[in-house]
Amino acid sequence: MNQQGLTDNQQAFSAIAGFPNTIAAIDCTHIPIKTPTENEEAIVNRKGVHTINVQAVCDANMRLLDVVAKWPGGTHDSFIWRSSSLQCLKLAIYTRRMATRYVGIMYD
């Protein structure tokens, strides 16, 4: 996303929901899968269901900007966020002295 895209998203999120300085919404969701034959315990989420934990990021127009679908259901949302390449984007924006923050990070 270029500088104009960041600015456009900030303005759109502010207009839609009053969220200032927001460039994206991020959340994780659990996608049910068939019970695996190996490493079953890693795939079970906190509700006892076999899932893949998927992180998705969208802009103010609900266009997907990033999807990561590689984490077993037992992986916590905060770990997925900390492991995300989006952390680099956050740092790059911060170092350009933009007052940008992420909204919509939900931890189960």
Protein backbone atom coordinates (compact mmCIF):
# COMPACT_ATOMS: atom_id res chain seq x y z
CA MET A 1 0.00 0.00 0.00
CA ASN A 2 1.42 3.37 -0.97
CA GLN A 3 1.23 6.63 0.97
CA GLN A 4 -1.94 7.73 -0.85
CA GLY A 5 -3.60 4.40 -0.05
CA LEU A 6 -2.75 4.79 3.64
CA THR A 7 -4.16 8.31 3.67
CA ASP A 8 -7.33 7.22 1.84
CA ASN A 9 -7.89 4.39 4.34
CA GLN A 10 -7.37 6.72 7.29
CA GLN A 11 -9.99 9.11 5.91
CA ALA A 12 -12.42 6.28 5.09
CA PHE A 13 -12.20 4.63 8.53
CA SER A 14 -12.67 8.02 10.14
CA ALA A 15 -15.75 8.75 8.00
CA ILE A 16 -17.29 5.29 8.46
CA ALA A 17 -16.76 4.73 12.17
CA GLY A 18 -14.95 7.71 13.64
CA PHE A 19 -11.70 5.72 13.99
CA PRO A 20 -8.90 8.26 13.56
CA ASN A 21 -5.51 7.30 12.08
CA THR A 22 -6.63 3.76 11.23
CA ILE A 23 -5.36 2.06 8.09
CA ALA A 24 -6.71 -1.49 8.41
CA ALA A 25 -8.93 -3.86 10.38
CA ILE A 26 -7.48 -7.20 11.48
CA ASP A 27 -8.94 -10.30 13.08
CA CYS A 28 -8.50 -14.04 13.25
CA THR A 29 -11.12 -16.70 12.64
CA HIS A 30 -11.15 -20.47 13.06
CA ILE A 31 -11.90 -22.58 9.99
CA PRO A 32 -13.02 -26.14 10.87
CA ILE A 33 -11.04 -28.98 9.26
CA LYS A 34 -11.16 -32.77 9.25
CA THR A 35 -9.43 -34.45 12.16
CA PRO A 36 -5.79 -34.95 11.16
CA THR A 37 -3.96 -38.24 11.73
CA GLU A 38 -0.76 -36.54 12.94
CA ASN A 39 -0.22 -33.76 15.52
CA GLU A 40 -3.91 -33.69 16.30
CA GLU A 41 -3.44 -31.87 19.62
CA ALA A 42 -1.89 -28.81 17.91
CA ILE A 43 -4.91 -28.42 15.62
CA VAL A 44 -7.51 -28.37 18.41
CA ASN A 45 -8.63 -24.87 19.40
CA ARG A 46 -9.73 -23.78 22.89
CA LYS A 47 -13.28 -25.01 22.18
CA GLY A 48 -12.07 -28.51 21.35
CA VAL A 49 -12.63 -28.20 17.59
CA HIS A 50 -10.05 -29.05 14.92
CA THR A 51 -9.37 -25.80 13.08
CA ILE A 52 -6.90 -23.66 11.20
CA ASN A 53 -6.61 -20.16 12.71
CA VAL A 54 -6.70 -17.65 9.83
CA GLN A 55 -5.66 -13.99 10.16
CA ALA A 56 -7.27 -11.55 7.73
CA VAL A 57 -6.73 -7.84 7.18
CA CYS A 58 -9.03 -5.57 5.22
CA ASP A 59 -9.23 -1.92 4.25
CA ALA A 60 -12.14 0.45 4.85
CA ASN A 61 -13.91 -0.91 1.76
CA MET A 62 -13.67 -4.48 3.12
CA ARG A 63 -11.12 -5.47 0.48
CA LEU A 64 -8.76 -8.13 1.74
CA LEU A 65 -5.21 -6.82 2.03
CA ASP A 66 -3.61 -9.85 3.66
CA VAL A 67 -4.64 -13.39 4.61
CA VAL A 68 -2.48 -15.86 6.52
CA ALA A 69 -3.93 -19.38 6.73
CA LYS A 70 -1.09 -21.49 8.10
CA TRP A 71 -1.58 -21.63 11.86
CA PRO A 72 -3.04 -24.60 13.75
CA GLY A 73 -6.20 -23.97 15.74
CA GLY A 74 -4.31 -24.12 19.03
CA THR A 75 -2.32 -21.00 18.09
CA HIS A 76 -3.40 -17.83 19.91
CA ASP A 77 -4.39 -14.79 17.85
CA SER A 78 -1.78 -12.62 19.57
CA PHE A 79 1.01 -15.03 18.55
CA ILE A 80 -0.17 -14.92 14.93
CA TRP A 81 -0.13 -11.12 15.05
CA ARG A 82 3.36 -11.01 16.58
CA SER A 83 4.58 -13.43 13.89
CA SER A 84 2.98 -11.46 11.09
CA SER A 85 4.88 -9.62 8.38
CA LEU A 86 2.47 -6.77 9.10
CA GLN A 87 4.59 -5.95 12.14
CA CYS A 88 7.17 -4.63 9.65
CA LEU A 89 4.53 -2.39 8.08
CA LYS A 90 3.54 -1.08 11.49
CA LEU A 91 7.16 -0.29 12.30
CA ALA A 92 7.75 1.38 8.92
CA ILE A 93 4.70 3.59 9.39
CA TYR A 94 5.69 4.47 12.94
CA THR A 95 9.22 5.38 11.94
CA ARG A 96 7.82 7.77 9.34
CA ARG A 97 6.23 9.49 12.35
CA MET A 98 2.68 8.83 11.27
CA ALA A 99 0.24 8.55 14.15
CA THR A 100 -1.18 5.30 12.80
CA ARG A 101 -2.67 2.47 14.77
CA TYR A 102 -4.40 -0.80 14.04
CA VAL A 103 -8.01 -1.28 15.06
CA GLY A 104 -9.95 -4.49 15.29
CA ILE A 105 -7.37 -6.76 16.86
CA MET A 106 -9.50 -9.27 18.70
CA TYR A 107 -8.06 -11.76 21.15
CA ASP A 108 -10.18 -14.73 22.16
